[in-house]
């Protein structure tokens, strides 16, 4: 593995420090304070503390950068070209139910383009990271998307719209069509890890509507650096504020996009 840049090192160290609290709190999940932000949308003391740690560490290293954090929202910076996009706990519902599948996600955006990403699964000690032009890695090993080219041999990850987020009829149509054309569908509960798994070749593709910027920011650059394609459902560039995302290897992306389009018009 080539030497890590100062920026990616900052991101990794921040993730490691925040992860310590998440691992500790996961072992005592029944004692956590939980509040509800909206329908099927929860925040825990663990989210808040992890975000505080990440904000402190990232701001200490790059004090002029702006931030977009899941719990705290937008934070202005003197250097508006750079912005951290942070999810301190992607997979909160899994976390609350004692399901060991969640992560920390940190993306760095420069002038509207994602240039670096870190996704850390602390329970498995799996660190996915990438910088623009430098490749994607899982811990110390280079990763690439799967080379499978047949939909019927492909595993596709997805996220089911939660209550209150709408577009159920469209999603049901998408799910039905993709089920009929693939080896299997997986709904694991963390969009960031879904993107990382596509990058690592564990799944051939992933789609989900109406995600938030912090769900996908880091995964976008990791997936691209692993040789994957990431677009909206129409094949255009992903709009972080819209959140419809389709990610896949270069062979499956086109057929998967066609199925999603058929669901919309069918």
Protein backbone atom coordinates (compact mmCIF):
# COMPACT_ATOMS: atom_id res chain seq x y z
CA UNK A 1 0.00 0.00 0.00
CA UNK A 2 1.38 3.45 -0.87
CA UNK A 3 1.96 5.92 1.96
CA UNK A 4 -1.21 7.57 3.24
CA UNK A 5 -1.53 11.32 2.82
CA UNK A 6 -1.78 13.64 5.80
CA UNK A 7 -5.47 14.20 5.06
CA UNK A 8 -6.47 10.53 4.95
CA UNK A 9 -4.40 9.91 8.08
CA UNK A 10 -6.36 12.62 9.90
CA UNK A 11 -9.64 11.03 8.81
CA UNK A 12 -8.58 7.54 9.88
CA UNK A 13 -7.32 8.63 13.27
CA UNK A 14 -10.55 10.54 13.92
CA UNK A 15 -12.59 7.45 13.02
CA UNK A 16 -10.51 5.24 15.31
CA UNK A 17 -10.97 7.59 18.26
CA UNK A 18 -14.73 7.91 17.78
CA UNK A 19 -15.05 4.15 17.37
CA UNK A 20 -13.83 3.44 20.90
CA UNK A 21 -16.95 4.93 22.40
CA UNK A 22 -19.25 3.19 19.93
CA UNK A 23 -17.78 -0.22 20.73
CA UNK A 24 -18.12 0.43 24.45
CA UNK A 25 -21.70 1.66 24.13
CA UNK A 26 -22.69 -1.22 21.86
CA UNK A 27 -21.91 -3.55 24.74
CA UNK A 28 -24.32 -1.61 26.97
CA UNK A 29 -26.96 -0.70 24.40
CA UNK A 30 -29.86 -1.30 26.80
CA UNK A 31 -28.62 1.54 29.00
CA UNK A 32 -28.28 4.15 26.26
CA UNK A 33 -30.37 7.30 26.16
CA UNK A 34 -32.41 7.35 22.95
CA UNK A 35 -34.50 10.11 21.44
CA UNK A 36 -36.62 10.19 18.31
CA UNK A 37 -35.93 12.70 15.53
CA UNK A 38 -38.81 11.58 13.31
CA UNK A 39 -40.68 8.47 12.16
CA UNK A 40 -38.27 5.52 12.44
CA UNK A 41 -35.39 7.99 12.93
CA UNK A 42 -33.52 7.74 16.22
CA UNK A 43 -30.50 9.35 17.81
CA UNK A 44 -28.58 7.96 20.75
CA UNK A 45 -26.08 9.33 23.22
CA UNK A 46 -23.57 7.20 21.31
CA UNK A 47 -24.24 9.10 18.04
CA UNK A 48 -23.83 12.43 19.78
CA UNK A 49 -20.62 11.56 21.59
CA UNK A 50 -19.06 10.02 18.47
CA UNK A 51 -19.92 13.14 16.49
CA UNK A 52 -18.35 15.37 19.14
CA UNK A 53 -15.15 13.35 18.93
CA UNK A 54 -15.08 13.45 15.14
CA UNK A 55 -15.82 17.17 15.03
CA UNK A 56 -13.07 17.91 17.54
CA UNK A 57 -10.45 15.78 15.80
CA UNK A 58 -11.22 16.99 12.28
CA UNK A 59 -11.45 20.63 13.31
CA UNK A 60 -8.21 20.40 15.26
CA UNK A 61 -6.37 19.16 12.17
CA UNK A 62 -8.14 21.34 9.58
CA UNK A 63 -9.64 24.30 11.49
CA UNK A 64 -10.71 26.21 8.37
CA UNK A 65 -12.82 23.50 6.75
CA UNK A 66 -16.60 23.61 6.74
CA UNK A 67 -18.59 20.64 8.04
CA UNK A 68 -21.88 18.89 7.45
CA UNK A 69 -22.72 16.57 10.34
CA UNK A 70 -25.75 14.34 10.73
CA UNK A 71 -26.63 15.50 14.24
CA UNK A 72 -25.26 19.07 14.30
CA UNK A 73 -26.02 20.10 10.73
CA UNK A 74 -23.96 22.57 8.71
CA UNK A 75 -20.97 24.34 10.23
CA UNK A 76 -19.42 27.21 8.28
CA UNK A 77 -15.67 27.32 7.64
CA UNK A 78 -13.31 30.04 6.49
CA UNK A 79 -12.21 27.82 3.60
CA UNK A 80 -15.56 27.09 1.96
CA UNK A 81 -13.97 25.01 -0.83
CA UNK A 82 -13.44 22.16 1.62
CA UNK A 83 -16.16 20.43 3.60
CA UNK A 84 -16.18 17.39 5.87
CA UNK A 85 -19.38 15.32 5.53
CA UNK A 86 -19.76 13.11 8.59
CA UNK A 87 -22.05 10.35 9.81
CA UNK A 88 -20.92 9.32 13.29
CA UNK A 89 -23.07 6.16 13.29
CA UNK A 90 -24.52 4.84 10.06
CA UNK A 91 -26.79 1.95 10.99
CA UNK A 92 -28.29 3.42 14.16
CA UNK A 93 -31.29 1.09 14.11
CA UNK A 94 -28.98 -1.92 13.88
CA UNK A 95 -26.96 -0.50 16.76
CA UNK A 96 -30.04 -0.02 18.92
CA UNK A 97 -31.17 -3.59 18.34
CA UNK A 98 -27.78 -5.12 19.05
CA UNK A 99 -27.19 -6.05 15.40
CA UNK A 100 -23.41 -5.86 14.80
CA UNK A 101 -23.50 -4.00 11.48
CA UNK A 102 -22.82 -0.26 11.61
CA UNK A 103 -20.01 2.15 10.82
CA UNK A 104 -18.50 5.60 10.96
CA UNK A 105 -18.43 7.49 7.65
CA UNK A 106 -16.26 10.54 6.87
CA UNK A 107 -16.11 12.17 3.45
CA UNK A 108 -14.10 15.17 2.27
CA UNK A 109 -15.53 17.37 -0.45
CA UNK A 110 -13.56 19.94 -2.44
CA UNK A 111 -15.48 22.48 -4.52
CA UNK A 112 -18.45 20.13 -4.81
CA UNK A 113 -16.46 16.97 -5.61
CA UNK A 114 -15.81 14.11 -3.21
CA UNK A 115 -12.04 13.62 -2.97
CA UNK A 116 -11.53 11.35 0.05
CA UNK A 117 -13.54 8.90 2.09
CA UNK A 118 -13.22 6.70 5.16
CA UNK A 119 -15.76 4.10 6.27
CA UNK A 120 -14.88 2.21 9.44
CA UNK A 121 -16.66 -0.85 10.80
CA UNK A 122 -15.28 -0.99 14.36
CA UNK A 123 -16.64 -4.40 15.33
CA UNK A 124 -15.00 -6.15 12.36
CA UNK A 125 -12.04 -3.71 12.38
CA UNK A 126 -12.57 -3.13 8.66
CA UNK A 127 -11.31 0.21 7.40
CA UNK A 128 -12.37 1.16 3.87
CA UNK A 129 -10.64 4.28 2.55
CA UNK A 130 -9.79 6.07 -0.66
CA UNK A 131 -8.50 9.31 -2.09
CA UNK A 132 -9.13 10.60 -5.58
CA UNK A 133 -6.53 9.16 -7.93
CA UNK A 134 -4.91 6.93 -5.29
CA UNK A 135 -7.08 3.80 -5.33
CA UNK A 136 -9.35 2.23 -2.73
CA UNK A 137 -8.29 0.04 0.17
CA UNK A 138 -9.65 -2.28 2.82
CA UNK A 139 -7.18 -1.99 5.69
CA UNK A 140 -3.84 -2.43 3.85
CA UNK A 141 -5.12 -4.23 0.77
CA UNK A 142 -6.18 -2.71 -2.55
CA UNK A 143 -9.80 -3.44 -3.43
CA UNK A 144 -11.67 -3.60 -6.72
CA UNK A 145 -15.29 -4.07 -7.64
CA UNK A 146 -16.49 -7.51 -8.68
CA UNK A 147 -15.94 -8.67 -12.25
CA UNK A 148 -19.24 -10.54 -12.47
CA UNK A 149 -21.17 -9.53 -15.56
CA UNK A 150 -24.38 -11.56 -15.35
CA UNK A 151 -27.32 -10.19 -13.40
CA UNK A 152 -28.48 -13.70 -12.49
CA UNK A 153 -25.14 -14.28 -10.71
CA UNK A 154 -25.15 -10.91 -8.95
CA UNK A 155 -25.96 -9.99 -5.36
CA UNK A 156 -27.50 -6.53 -5.06
CA UNK A 157 -27.73 -4.54 -1.84
CA UNK A 158 -30.52 -2.08 -1.14
CA UNK A 159 -32.18 0.00 1.52
CA UNK A 160 -35.94 -0.02 2.07
CA UNK A 161 -37.52 3.44 2.52
CA UNK A 162 -38.43 3.96 6.15
CA UNK A 163 -41.85 5.10 7.30
CA UNK A 164 -42.49 8.73 6.38
CA UNK A 165 -40.04 8.80 3.46
CA UNK A 166 -42.53 7.87 0.74
CA UNK A 167 -42.12 6.52 -2.83
CA UNK A 168 -43.23 3.10 -1.65
CA UNK A 169 -45.01 2.11 -4.86
CA UNK A 170 -41.95 2.98 -6.95
CA UNK A 171 -39.67 1.10 -4.60
CA UNK A 172 -41.88 -1.99 -4.54
CA UNK A 173 -41.80 -2.05 -8.34
CA UNK A 174 -38.00 -1.72 -8.31
CA UNK A 175 -37.66 -4.51 -5.76
CA UNK A 176 -39.90 -6.85 -7.72
CA UNK A 177 -37.99 -6.38 -10.96
CA UNK A 178 -34.53 -6.69 -9.39
CA UNK A 179 -35.55 -9.81 -7.44
CA UNK A 180 -36.58 -11.52 -10.68
CA UNK A 181 -33.30 -10.79 -12.44
CA UNK A 182 -30.60 -11.38 -9.79
CA UNK A 183 -29.12 -14.09 -7.57
CA UNK A 184 -30.24 -12.29 -4.44
CA UNK A 185 -30.97 -9.01 -2.69
CA UNK A 186 -29.50 -7.98 0.66
CA UNK A 187 -30.93 -5.33 2.99
CA UNK A 188 -28.27 -4.88 5.70
CA UNK A 189 -29.13 -1.53 7.22
CA UNK A 190 -26.11 0.70 6.52
CA UNK A 191 -25.90 2.50 3.19
CA UNK A 192 -22.26 3.47 3.79
CA UNK A 193 -21.26 -0.16 4.31
CA UNK A 194 -23.35 -1.21 1.31
CA UNK A 195 -21.27 1.11 -0.87
CA UNK A 196 -18.05 -0.16 0.72
CA UNK A 197 -19.13 -3.75 0.06
CA UNK A 198 -19.74 -3.00 -3.62
CA UNK A 199 -16.28 -1.41 -3.75
CA UNK A 200 -14.76 -4.54 -2.20
CA UNK A 201 -16.55 -6.88 -4.63
CA UNK A 202 -18.81 -8.43 -1.99
CA UNK A 203 -21.92 -7.21 -3.83
CA UNK A 204 -22.25 -6.32 -7.49
CA UNK A 205 -24.52 -3.34 -6.95
CA UNK A 206 -26.54 -1.17 -4.60
CA UNK A 207 -29.49 1.18 -4.95
CA UNK A 208 -31.54 3.26 -2.56
CA UNK A 209 -33.69 6.39 -2.92
CA UNK A 210 -33.60 9.62 -0.94
CA UNK A 211 -30.50 9.14 1.17
CA UNK A 212 -28.82 11.95 3.08
CA UNK A 213 -25.40 13.38 2.08
CA UNK A 214 -23.65 11.83 5.08
CA UNK A 215 -24.96 8.37 4.14
CA UNK A 216 -23.17 8.33 0.78
CA UNK A 217 -20.41 10.96 0.68
CA UNK A 218 -17.50 8.73 1.71
CA UNK A 219 -18.80 5.73 -0.21
CA UNK A 220 -18.93 7.63 -3.49
CA UNK A 221 -15.18 8.21 -3.67
CA UNK A 222 -14.32 4.74 -2.34
CA UNK A 223 -16.56 3.11 -4.95
CA UNK A 224 -15.15 5.20 -7.80
CA UNK A 225 -11.56 4.51 -6.79
CA UNK A 226 -12.38 0.79 -6.73
CA UNK A 227 -13.44 0.97 -10.38
CA UNK A 228 -17.18 1.18 -9.85
CA UNK A 229 -19.87 3.41 -11.32
CA UNK A 230 -22.02 5.60 -9.10
CA UNK A 231 -24.89 7.70 -10.44
CA UNK A 232 -28.48 8.61 -9.73
CA UNK A 233 -31.23 6.34 -11.08
CA UNK A 234 -31.10 8.09 -14.46
CA UNK A 235 -27.35 7.68 -14.92
CA UNK A 236 -26.53 11.29 -14.08
CA UNK A 237 -24.10 12.47 -11.43
CA UNK A 238 -25.27 11.89 -7.87
CA UNK A 239 -26.81 14.95 -6.24
CA UNK A 240 -25.98 14.78 -2.53
CA UNK A 241 -29.06 16.84 -1.72
CA UNK A 242 -31.36 14.50 -3.68
CA UNK A 243 -29.87 11.24 -2.48
CA UNK A 244 -31.03 8.74 -5.12
CA UNK A 245 -28.02 6.49 -5.67
CA UNK A 246 -27.18 3.58 -7.94
CA UNK A 247 -23.74 2.02 -7.49
CA UNK A 248 -22.38 -1.06 -9.26
CA UNK A 249 -19.49 -2.54 -11.13
CA UNK A 250 -19.13 -1.42 -14.74
CA UNK A 251 -20.88 -4.51 -16.10
CA UNK A 252 -23.96 -4.55 -13.87
CA UNK A 253 -24.59 -0.80 -13.63
CA UNK A 254 -26.28 -0.51 -17.03
CA UNK A 255 -28.69 -3.45 -16.64
CA UNK A 256 -29.55 -2.41 -13.09
CA UNK A 257 -30.25 1.15 -14.25
CA UNK A 258 -32.56 -0.22 -16.94
CA UNK A 259 -34.55 -2.20 -14.36
CA UNK A 260 -34.98 0.88 -12.16
CA UNK A 261 -36.13 2.91 -15.17
CA UNK A 262 -38.63 0.18 -16.09
CA UNK A 263 -40.03 0.27 -12.57
CA UNK A 264 -40.63 3.99 -12.86
CA UNK A 265 -42.42 3.78 -16.20
CA UNK A 266 -44.07 0.37 -15.81
